[in-house]
Amino acid sequence: MAVSATLAVNEAVERARRAGRAVLPLGFGEAGLPVHAALRERLAGAAGANSYGPVAGLPELRAAAAGYWQRRSLPTSAEQVVAGPGSKPLLYGLLAALEGDVALPRPSWVSYAAQATMLHHQARFVDTTPGQGGVPDPFALAALADQARAAGRPLRSVVLTLPDNPTGTLAGRDRVAGVCAVAREHDLVIISDEIYRDLVHDPATPYVSPAELAPERTVITTGLSKNLALGGWRLGVTRLPDSELGEQLGQHLLDIASEIWSSPPHPVQSVAAWAFTEPEVLRDHLAASRQLHGTVARAVAEVFAGVGAEVAAPAGGFYLYPDLEAHRERLARRWGITDGAGLARVLLEELDVATLPGSAFGDHAGALRLRVATSLLYGPDDLRRQTALMDDDPLGLPWVRDGLGQLRGALERLLD
């Protein structure tokens, strides 16, 4: 196994910076915001909690997470909740517990396929459509399920991402409902990665979780790494279905967790229990975060659109997925670029812009598509990031303006 592409690009940026190069960091998917002061204070207060806790998580955390989902019209008991040291280990544990091949959207987050491979499952990609990222085409999913069953290796699960990483889009109700129908027909477990749910840019945007439409077979994962920018604290939760499947899957997940992480970090769980109650101070912070993410993501999308790239309007999180297919001949002639990996390499090595190729997310190797993360444009330190968060016009801040200008200049040179 290679190092995860998202982590590898972050290391490449750091090496370039140590060499004196001013690389624009658009590859690593970190929320790019400082920790709220109330969270810092609570973590300090909980630092003495050094004992192991229950494998499933502290009772108060499980109850708070259940309340979080109840406020989103998903009836949930604390017994349906399992906590872990980040949503990534929980996803791995779920895939291990399911013991079968998995259908993934094309493109999709890098770790889904990697984790399946580590477990000796086969990751089967299903195409998505522009603007509907994170959810496979239902007709293509049904055809794949038929083929897999006929070949004697049936699919066991399908992963959805709402909103999506890498495309930054949010699939609509009809697309989600179509996948739920296929999942019922072929007895697939739906794993819905909803870690960006609270970062839908416009809170009025309709949001449909598959747990609303197929509650008996949908597992949800989420955490605090994106909405509250706590990636380094490593805390995630999963909601299991209230069904026989959910009970069986939950027990298997706990068996796996007991042998891998024992229990999530106790002090972080204590803070998370408070955070999942969504106190007003954190709701205000989250609202400001959503606004900043949306403002900057739209501005970056406009830069790519301005040079003729096709890019779906971002709906949530801090990602874009521009397609430079219209410039294929020019890129081949000028730079020798014929695929996404070559495109990302030239941008980094020649033009000081770090991105990731779509192929890192399961996309076709020859596609000239990139995953662009916009959140590190807010600034290199907490002072500037906090300023960007609180400013009514973050695009007017010198460092944000300079970053957008550096990107525009690099793209103009690329396509000159």
Protein backbone atom coordinates (compact mmCIF):
# COMPACT_ATOMS: atom_id res chain seq x y z
CA MET A 1 0.00 0.00 0.00
CA ALA A 2 1.18 3.51 -0.82
CA VAL A 3 0.73 6.47 1.50
CA SER A 4 -2.72 8.01 1.13
CA ALA A 5 -2.64 10.51 -1.74
CA THR A 6 -4.14 13.27 0.39
CA LEU A 7 -1.42 12.88 3.01
CA ALA A 8 1.33 12.45 0.41
CA VAL A 9 0.50 15.75 -1.28
CA ASN A 10 0.65 17.52 2.07
CA GLU A 11 4.13 16.13 2.63
CA ALA A 12 5.16 17.19 -0.88
CA VAL A 13 4.05 20.75 -0.16
CA GLU A 14 6.06 20.82 3.05
CA ARG A 15 9.18 19.59 1.23
CA ALA A 16 8.75 22.24 -1.44
CA ARG A 17 8.32 24.96 1.15
CA ARG A 18 11.46 23.86 3.01
CA ALA A 19 13.25 24.22 -0.32
CA GLY A 20 12.09 27.84 -0.50
CA ARG A 21 9.22 27.44 -2.97
CA ALA A 22 5.91 29.25 -2.37
CA VAL A 23 3.54 26.41 -3.22
CA LEU A 24 -0.19 27.05 -3.17
CA PRO A 25 -1.70 24.23 -1.03
CA LEU A 26 -4.83 23.03 -2.83
CA GLY A 27 -4.32 19.30 -2.29
CA PHE A 28 -4.91 18.48 1.38
CA GLY A 29 -8.50 18.28 2.65
CA GLU A 30 -8.18 19.93 6.03
CA ALA A 31 -10.81 22.35 7.34
CA GLY A 32 -8.20 25.10 7.68
CA LEU A 33 -9.71 26.86 10.72
CA PRO A 34 -8.58 27.32 14.33
CA VAL A 35 -10.14 25.44 17.24
CA HIS A 36 -12.93 27.37 18.94
CA ALA A 37 -11.88 28.70 22.34
CA ALA A 38 -14.73 26.92 24.16
CA LEU A 39 -13.53 23.59 22.79
CA ARG A 40 -9.96 24.30 23.88
CA GLU A 41 -11.10 25.11 27.39
CA ARG A 42 -13.18 21.97 27.72
CA LEU A 43 -10.37 19.78 26.43
CA ALA A 44 -8.00 21.26 28.99
CA GLY A 45 -10.54 20.60 31.70
CA ALA A 46 -10.91 16.97 30.64
CA ALA A 47 -7.16 16.29 30.37
CA GLY A 48 -7.14 14.30 33.60
CA ALA A 49 -9.50 11.66 32.20
CA ASN A 50 -6.85 9.06 31.46
CA SER A 51 -8.77 5.83 31.98
CA TYR A 52 -9.99 3.47 29.28
CA GLY A 53 -13.67 3.81 28.54
CA PRO A 54 -16.34 1.59 27.01
CA VAL A 55 -15.48 0.28 23.56
CA ALA A 56 -18.65 1.85 22.10
CA GLY A 57 -17.85 5.23 23.62
CA LEU A 58 -18.87 7.17 26.72
CA PRO A 59 -22.61 6.97 27.46
CA GLU A 60 -22.92 10.75 27.43
CA LEU A 61 -21.28 10.94 23.99
CA ARG A 62 -23.52 8.24 22.54
CA ALA A 63 -26.60 9.98 23.93
CA ALA A 64 -25.48 13.36 22.56
CA ALA A 65 -24.80 11.90 19.11
CA ALA A 66 -28.23 10.26 19.17
CA GLY A 67 -29.74 13.67 19.89
CA TYR A 68 -27.78 15.18 17.01
CA TRP A 69 -29.42 12.75 14.58
CA GLN A 70 -32.84 13.11 16.17
CA ARG A 71 -32.72 16.84 15.44
CA ARG A 72 -32.18 15.85 11.79
CA SER A 73 -35.39 13.79 11.70
CA LEU A 74 -33.58 10.48 12.22
CA PRO A 75 -34.94 8.79 15.37
CA THR A 76 -31.90 7.36 17.14
CA SER A 77 -31.18 5.71 20.47
CA ALA A 78 -27.82 5.82 22.23
CA GLU A 79 -27.55 2.05 21.69
CA GLN A 80 -27.38 2.63 17.94
CA VAL A 81 -24.26 4.81 18.27
CA VAL A 82 -20.64 3.62 18.27
CA ALA A 83 -17.76 6.07 18.68
CA GLY A 84 -14.24 5.65 17.37
CA PRO A 85 -10.95 7.53 16.94
CA GLY A 86 -12.14 9.27 13.76
CA SER A 87 -14.62 8.28 11.09
CA LYS A 88 -11.86 6.64 9.01
CA PRO A 89 -11.24 3.80 11.52
CA LEU A 90 -15.00 3.37 11.87
CA LEU A 91 -15.35 3.00 8.11
CA TYR A 92 -12.59 0.43 8.11
CA GLY A 93 -14.26 -1.46 10.93
CA LEU A 94 -17.60 -1.42 9.11
CA LEU A 95 -16.08 -2.73 5.88
CA ALA A 96 -14.30 -5.44 7.87
CA ALA A 97 -17.52 -6.40 9.62
CA LEU A 98 -19.43 -6.63 6.34
CA GLU A 99 -16.95 -9.06 4.75
CA GLY A 100 -17.76 -8.52 1.08
CA ASP A 101 -17.17 -6.48 -2.03
CA VAL A 102 -18.18 -2.84 -2.05
CA ALA A 103 -19.57 -0.52 -4.71
CA LEU A 104 -18.06 2.96 -4.73
CA PRO A 105 -18.95 6.15 -6.60
CA ARG A 106 -16.48 7.16 -9.29
CA PRO A 107 -14.80 9.36 -8.14
CA SER A 108 -14.81 8.89 -4.36
CA TRP A 109 -12.62 9.57 -1.35
CA VAL A 110 -9.26 7.85 -1.59
CA SER A 111 -9.55 5.71 1.54
CA TYR A 112 -12.68 3.77 0.60
CA ALA A 113 -10.99 1.70 -2.10
CA ALA A 114 -7.72 1.48 -0.17
CA GLN A 115 -9.47 0.09 2.90
CA ALA A 116 -11.38 -2.44 0.80
CA THR A 117 -8.10 -3.58 -0.74
CA MET A 118 -6.48 -3.95 2.69
CA LEU A 119 -9.39 -6.19 3.69
CA HIS A 120 -9.09 -8.27 0.49
CA HIS A 121 -12.47 -7.05 -0.69
CA GLN A 122 -12.93 -5.85 -4.22
CA ALA A 123 -13.82 -2.18 -4.70
CA ARG A 124 -16.13 -1.83 -7.71
CA PHE A 125 -16.48 1.69 -9.07
CA VAL A 126 -19.76 3.01 -10.47
CA ASP A 127 -19.85 6.27 -12.43
CA THR A 128 -21.59 9.36 -11.10
CA THR A 129 -22.84 12.36 -13.08
CA PRO A 130 -21.76 16.02 -12.79
CA GLY A 131 -23.49 17.74 -9.90
CA GLN A 132 -24.47 14.39 -8.33
CA GLY A 133 -21.12 13.37 -6.89
CA GLY A 134 -20.87 10.88 -4.08
CA VAL A 135 -23.84 8.76 -5.20
CA PRO A 136 -23.55 6.18 -8.00
CA ASP A 137 -25.90 6.10 -10.96
CA PRO A 138 -28.67 3.73 -9.79
CA PHE A 139 -29.05 1.99 -13.16
CA ALA A 140 -25.31 1.36 -13.41
CA LEU A 141 -25.27 0.15 -9.79
CA ALA A 142 -28.08 -2.32 -10.51
CA ALA A 143 -26.27 -3.60 -13.59
CA LEU A 144 -23.07 -4.08 -11.59
CA ALA A 145 -24.93 -5.90 -8.83
CA ASP A 146 -26.45 -8.26 -11.40
CA GLN A 147 -23.05 -8.93 -12.95
CA ALA A 148 -21.40 -9.50 -9.58
CA ARG A 149 -24.08 -11.96 -8.52
CA ALA A 150 -23.87 -13.85 -11.82
CA ALA A 151 -20.09 -14.09 -11.38
CA GLY A 152 -20.53 -15.65 -7.95
CA ARG A 153 -19.10 -12.69 -6.04
CA PRO A 154 -22.09 -10.55 -5.03
CA LEU A 155 -21.78 -7.03 -3.71
CA ARG A 156 -22.28 -6.58 0.01
CA SER A 157 -22.36 -2.81 0.40
CA VAL A 158 -22.37 0.57 -1.33
CA VAL A 159 -20.76 3.75 0.01
CA LEU A 160 -22.30 7.20 -0.49
CA THR A 161 -20.81 10.59 0.42
CA LEU A 162 -23.20 13.48 1.15
CA PRO A 163 -21.97 16.15 0.39
CA ASP A 164 -19.19 14.71 -1.67
CA ASN A 165 -15.44 14.62 -1.41
CA PRO A 166 -13.89 15.01 -4.02
CA THR A 167 -16.46 16.95 -6.09
CA GLY A 168 -17.98 19.29 -3.49
CA THR A 169 -21.48 18.58 -4.84
CA LEU A 170 -24.60 17.24 -3.13
CA ALA A 171 -26.73 14.54 -4.76
CA GLY A 172 -30.47 15.16 -4.86
CA ARG A 173 -33.36 13.16 -3.46
CA ASP A 174 -34.16 11.26 -6.67
CA ARG A 175 -30.58 10.03 -7.01
CA VAL A 176 -30.43 8.92 -3.36
CA ALA A 177 -33.85 7.26 -3.59
CA GLY A 178 -32.75 5.37 -6.71
CA VAL A 179 -29.73 3.91 -4.92
CA CYS A 180 -31.88 2.98 -1.91
CA ALA A 181 -34.23 1.04 -4.20
CA VAL A 182 -31.31 -0.84 -5.77
CA ALA A 183 -29.89 -1.57 -2.31
CA ARG A 184 -33.18 -3.14 -1.22
CA GLU A 185 -33.47 -5.19 -4.40
CA HIS A 186 -29.93 -6.55 -4.08
CA ASP A 187 -29.72 -6.63 -0.28
CA LEU A 188 -26.86 -4.11 -0.05
CA VAL A 189 -25.86 -2.32 3.12
CA ILE A 190 -25.62 1.44 2.54
CA ILE A 191 -22.74 3.22 4.27
CA SER A 192 -23.48 6.93 4.15
CA ASP A 193 -20.46 9.11 4.91
CA GLU A 194 -22.08 12.36 6.08
CA ILE A 195 -19.09 14.05 7.66
CA TYR A 196 -19.66 17.17 5.52
CA ARG A 197 -23.41 17.38 6.18
CA ASP A 198 -23.12 20.41 8.45
CA LEU A 199 -21.02 22.21 5.82
CA VAL A 200 -23.69 22.44 3.11
CA HIS A 201 -23.10 26.04 2.12
CA ASP A 202 -26.75 27.10 2.03
CA PRO A 203 -28.65 25.67 5.04
CA ALA A 204 -31.87 25.93 3.01
CA THR A 205 -30.59 23.36 0.50
CA PRO A 206 -32.68 20.16 0.72
CA TYR A 207 -30.72 17.31 2.25
CA VAL A 208 -31.82 13.70 2.08
CA SER A 209 -29.97 10.98 3.95
CA PRO A 210 -30.47 7.40 2.75
CA ALA A 211 -31.28 6.62 6.40
CA GLU A 212 -34.59 8.42 5.83
CA LEU A 213 -35.48 6.26 2.82
CA ALA A 214 -33.89 2.92 3.71
CA PRO A 215 -33.54 3.05 7.51
CA GLU A 216 -33.26 -0.72 7.98
CA ARG A 217 -30.02 -0.98 5.96
CA THR A 218 -28.27 2.40 6.23
CA VAL A 219 -25.24 3.11 8.41
CA ILE A 220 -24.15 6.72 8.84
CA THR A 221 -20.66 7.90 9.74
CA THR A 222 -19.70 11.40 10.80
CA GLY A 223 -17.33 13.23 13.11
CA LEU A 224 -15.99 16.60 14.19
CA SER A 225 -12.97 16.88 11.89
CA LYS A 226 -14.70 18.92 9.18
CA ASN A 227 -17.53 20.91 10.72
CA LEU A 228 -15.50 22.00 13.77
CA ALA A 229 -12.03 21.63 12.20
CA LEU A 230 -10.90 19.01 14.74
CA GLY A 231 -9.16 16.58 12.42
CA GLY A 232 -6.22 16.09 14.75
CA TRP A 233 -8.45 15.25 17.71
CA ARG A 234 -9.57 12.00 16.03
CA LEU A 235 -13.19 11.48 17.02
CA GLY A 236 -15.94 9.94 14.91
CA VAL A 237 -19.34 8.35 15.47
CA THR A 238 -21.46 5.93 13.50
CA ARG A 239 -25.23 5.43 13.57
CA LEU A 240 -26.31 1.84 13.06
CA PRO A 241 -29.75 0.94 11.72
CA ASP A 242 -32.46 0.02 14.22
CA SER A 243 -32.89 -3.48 12.79
CA GLU A 244 -31.59 -7.01 13.13
CA LEU A 245 -28.88 -6.10 10.63
CA GLY A 246 -27.89 -3.14 12.80
CA GLU A 247 -27.61 -5.27 15.92
CA GLN A 248 -25.46 -7.87 14.20
CA LEU A 249 -23.27 -5.28 12.50
CA GLY A 250 -22.88 -3.30 15.71
CA GLN A 251 -21.69 -6.32 17.67
CA HIS A 252 -19.20 -7.26 14.99
CA LEU A 253 -17.94 -3.66 14.85
CA LEU A 254 -17.43 -3.62 18.62
CA ASP A 255 -15.53 -6.90 18.46
CA ILE A 256 -13.20 -5.37 15.86
CA ALA A 257 -12.87 -2.09 17.76
CA SER A 258 -11.97 -3.87 20.97
CA GLU A 259 -8.93 -5.38 19.28
CA ILE A 260 -7.80 -2.28 17.37
CA TRP A 261 -8.46 0.93 19.31
CA SER A 262 -10.02 -0.31 22.60
CA SER A 263 -11.79 3.01 23.11
CA PRO A 264 -11.62 6.54 21.68
CA PRO A 265 -9.50 9.06 23.63
CA HIS A 266 -11.37 9.84 26.84
CA PRO A 267 -10.75 13.63 27.04
CA VAL A 268 -11.79 14.14 23.41
CA GLN A 269 -14.96 12.10 23.98
CA SER A 270 -15.88 14.37 26.87
CA VAL A 271 -15.61 17.46 24.69
CA ALA A 272 -17.42 15.76 21.81
CA ALA A 273 -20.33 14.90 24.11
CA TRP A 274 -20.81 18.62 24.64
CA ALA A 275 -20.20 19.54 21.01
CA PHE A 276 -22.84 17.11 19.73
CA THR A 277 -25.47 18.91 21.82
CA GLU A 278 -24.86 21.84 19.42
CA PRO A 279 -24.67 24.72 21.90
CA GLU A 280 -25.38 28.15 20.49
CA VAL A 281 -21.75 29.26 20.60
CA LEU A 282 -20.78 26.39 18.30
CA ARG A 283 -23.80 26.91 16.03
CA ASP A 284 -22.65 30.48 15.41
CA HIS A 285 -19.11 29.29 14.75
CA LEU A 286 -20.38 26.66 12.33
CA ALA A 287 -22.52 29.20 10.47
CA ALA A 288 -19.48 31.42 9.96
CA SER A 289 -17.45 28.41 8.81
CA ARG A 290 -20.07 27.42 6.22
CA GLN A 291 -20.13 30.93 4.85
CA LEU A 292 -16.35 31.12 4.54
CA HIS A 293 -16.06 27.68 2.92
CA GLY A 294 -18.76 28.52 0.39
CA THR A 295 -17.40 31.96 -0.43
CA VAL A 296 -13.86 30.78 -1.11
CA ALA A 297 -14.89 27.59 -2.92
CA ARG A 298 -17.09 29.60 -5.29
CA ALA A 299 -14.26 32.05 -5.91
CA VAL A 300 -11.85 29.24 -6.81
CA ALA A 301 -14.49 27.69 -9.05
CA GLU A 302 -14.78 31.00 -10.89
CA VAL A 303 -11.01 31.04 -11.46
CA PHE A 304 -11.15 27.60 -13.09
CA ALA A 305 -14.26 28.47 -15.09
CA GLY A 306 -12.51 31.64 -16.24
CA VAL A 307 -9.87 29.60 -18.08
CA GLY A 308 -12.42 27.30 -19.71
CA ALA A 309 -12.50 24.40 -17.26
CA GLU A 310 -15.78 22.63 -16.60
CA VAL A 311 -16.55 22.68 -12.89
CA ALA A 312 -19.79 21.90 -11.07
CA ALA A 313 -20.92 24.59 -8.63
CA PRO A 314 -19.78 23.67 -5.11
CA ALA A 315 -22.61 22.90 -2.69
CA GLY A 316 -20.81 21.79 0.47
CA GLY A 317 -17.45 21.37 2.12
CA PHE A 318 -14.32 22.87 0.56
CA TYR A 319 -13.70 20.93 -2.63
CA LEU A 320 -13.96 21.34 -6.40
CA TYR A 321 -13.48 18.91 -9.25
CA PRO A 322 -12.53 20.87 -12.38
CA ASP A 323 -12.21 19.15 -15.75
CA LEU A 324 -9.71 20.52 -18.29
CA GLU A 325 -10.70 18.18 -21.13
CA ALA A 326 -11.41 21.16 -23.38
CA HIS A 327 -7.68 21.96 -23.32
CA ARG A 328 -6.39 18.43 -23.96
CA GLU A 329 -4.59 19.21 -27.23
CA ARG A 330 -2.98 22.35 -25.87
CA LEU A 331 -1.83 20.63 -22.68
CA ALA A 332 -0.32 17.74 -24.64
CA ARG A 333 1.45 20.05 -27.06
CA ARG A 334 2.74 22.55 -24.49
CA TRP A 335 3.56 20.28 -21.55
CA GLY A 336 3.23 16.68 -22.71
CA ILE A 337 0.24 16.21 -20.40
CA THR A 338 -2.01 13.29 -21.35
CA ASP A 339 -3.63 12.32 -18.05
CA GLY A 340 -4.66 13.62 -14.65
CA ALA A 341 -1.46 12.54 -12.92
CA GLY A 342 0.62 14.45 -15.45
CA LEU A 343 -1.59 17.50 -15.04
CA ALA A 344 -1.19 17.51 -11.27
CA ARG A 345 2.55 16.90 -11.57
CA VAL A 346 3.10 19.88 -13.90
CA LEU A 347 1.01 22.13 -11.69
CA LEU A 348 3.11 21.21 -8.67
CA GLU A 349 6.60 20.93 -10.15
CA GLU A 350 6.44 23.70 -12.74
CA LEU A 351 3.75 26.09 -11.51
CA ASP A 352 3.83 25.73 -7.69
CA VAL A 353 0.19 24.69 -7.26
CA ALA A 354 -0.53 21.49 -5.33
CA THR A 355 -3.64 19.55 -6.35
CA LEU A 356 -4.54 15.88 -6.71
CA PRO A 357 -5.41 14.02 -9.92
CA GLY A 358 -8.86 12.52 -10.23
CA SER A 359 -7.23 9.12 -10.66
CA ALA A 360 -6.33 9.20 -6.96
CA PHE A 361 -10.07 9.06 -6.31
CA GLY A 362 -10.79 6.17 -8.65
CA ASP A 363 -11.42 8.29 -11.73
CA HIS A 364 -10.29 7.14 -15.16
CA ALA A 365 -6.53 7.63 -15.47
CA GLY A 366 -6.75 9.53 -18.74
CA ALA A 367 -9.26 12.07 -17.47
CA LEU A 368 -7.90 15.61 -17.08
CA ARG A 369 -9.70 16.15 -13.80
CA LEU A 370 -8.37 17.43 -10.49
CA ARG A 371 -9.52 17.43 -6.89
CA VAL A 372 -8.96 20.91 -5.53
CA ALA A 373 -9.21 21.65 -1.79
CA THR A 374 -9.79 25.33 -1.09
CA SER A 375 -9.65 25.58 2.71
CA LEU A 376 -5.94 26.23 3.19
CA LEU A 377 -6.32 29.51 1.30
CA TYR A 378 -7.62 31.00 4.55
CA GLY A 379 -4.08 31.49 5.79
CA PRO A 380 -1.00 29.67 7.11
CA ASP A 381 -1.62 30.45 10.79
CA ASP A 382 -4.47 30.70 13.29
CA LEU A 383 -4.42 34.51 13.38
CA ARG A 384 -5.05 34.87 9.66
CA ARG A 385 -7.50 31.98 9.60
CA GLN A 386 -9.53 33.50 12.41
CA THR A 387 -9.48 36.84 10.59
CA ALA A 388 -10.80 35.17 7.44
CA LEU A 389 -13.52 33.45 9.46
CA MET A 390 -14.74 36.70 10.98
CA ASP A 391 -14.34 38.99 7.96
CA ASP A 392 -17.42 39.94 5.95
CA ASP A 393 -15.29 40.01 2.79
CA PRO A 394 -12.65 37.27 3.11
CA LEU A 395 -11.85 37.53 -0.61
CA GLY A 396 -10.53 41.02 0.03
CA LEU A 397 -7.95 39.89 2.57
CA PRO A 398 -4.44 40.20 1.08
CA TRP A 399 -3.40 36.58 1.59
CA VAL A 400 -6.66 35.18 0.19
CA ARG A 401 -6.51 37.59 -2.74
CA ASP A 402 -2.88 36.68 -3.37
CA GLY A 403 -3.69 32.96 -3.31
CA LEU A 404 -6.45 33.39 -5.86
CA GLY A 405 -4.12 35.49 -7.97
CA GLN A 406 -1.37 32.87 -7.78
CA LEU A 407 -3.83 30.21 -8.94
CA ARG A 408 -5.11 32.37 -11.79
CA GLY A 409 -1.57 33.12 -12.94
CA ALA A 410 -0.56 29.46 -12.81
CA LEU A 411 -3.58 28.38 -14.86
CA GLU A 412 -2.93 31.10 -17.41
CA ARG A 413 0.67 29.92 -17.77
CA LEU A 414 -0.49 26.31 -17.99
CA LEU A 415 -2.84 27.13 -20.85
CA ASP A 416 -0.76 29.80 -22.58
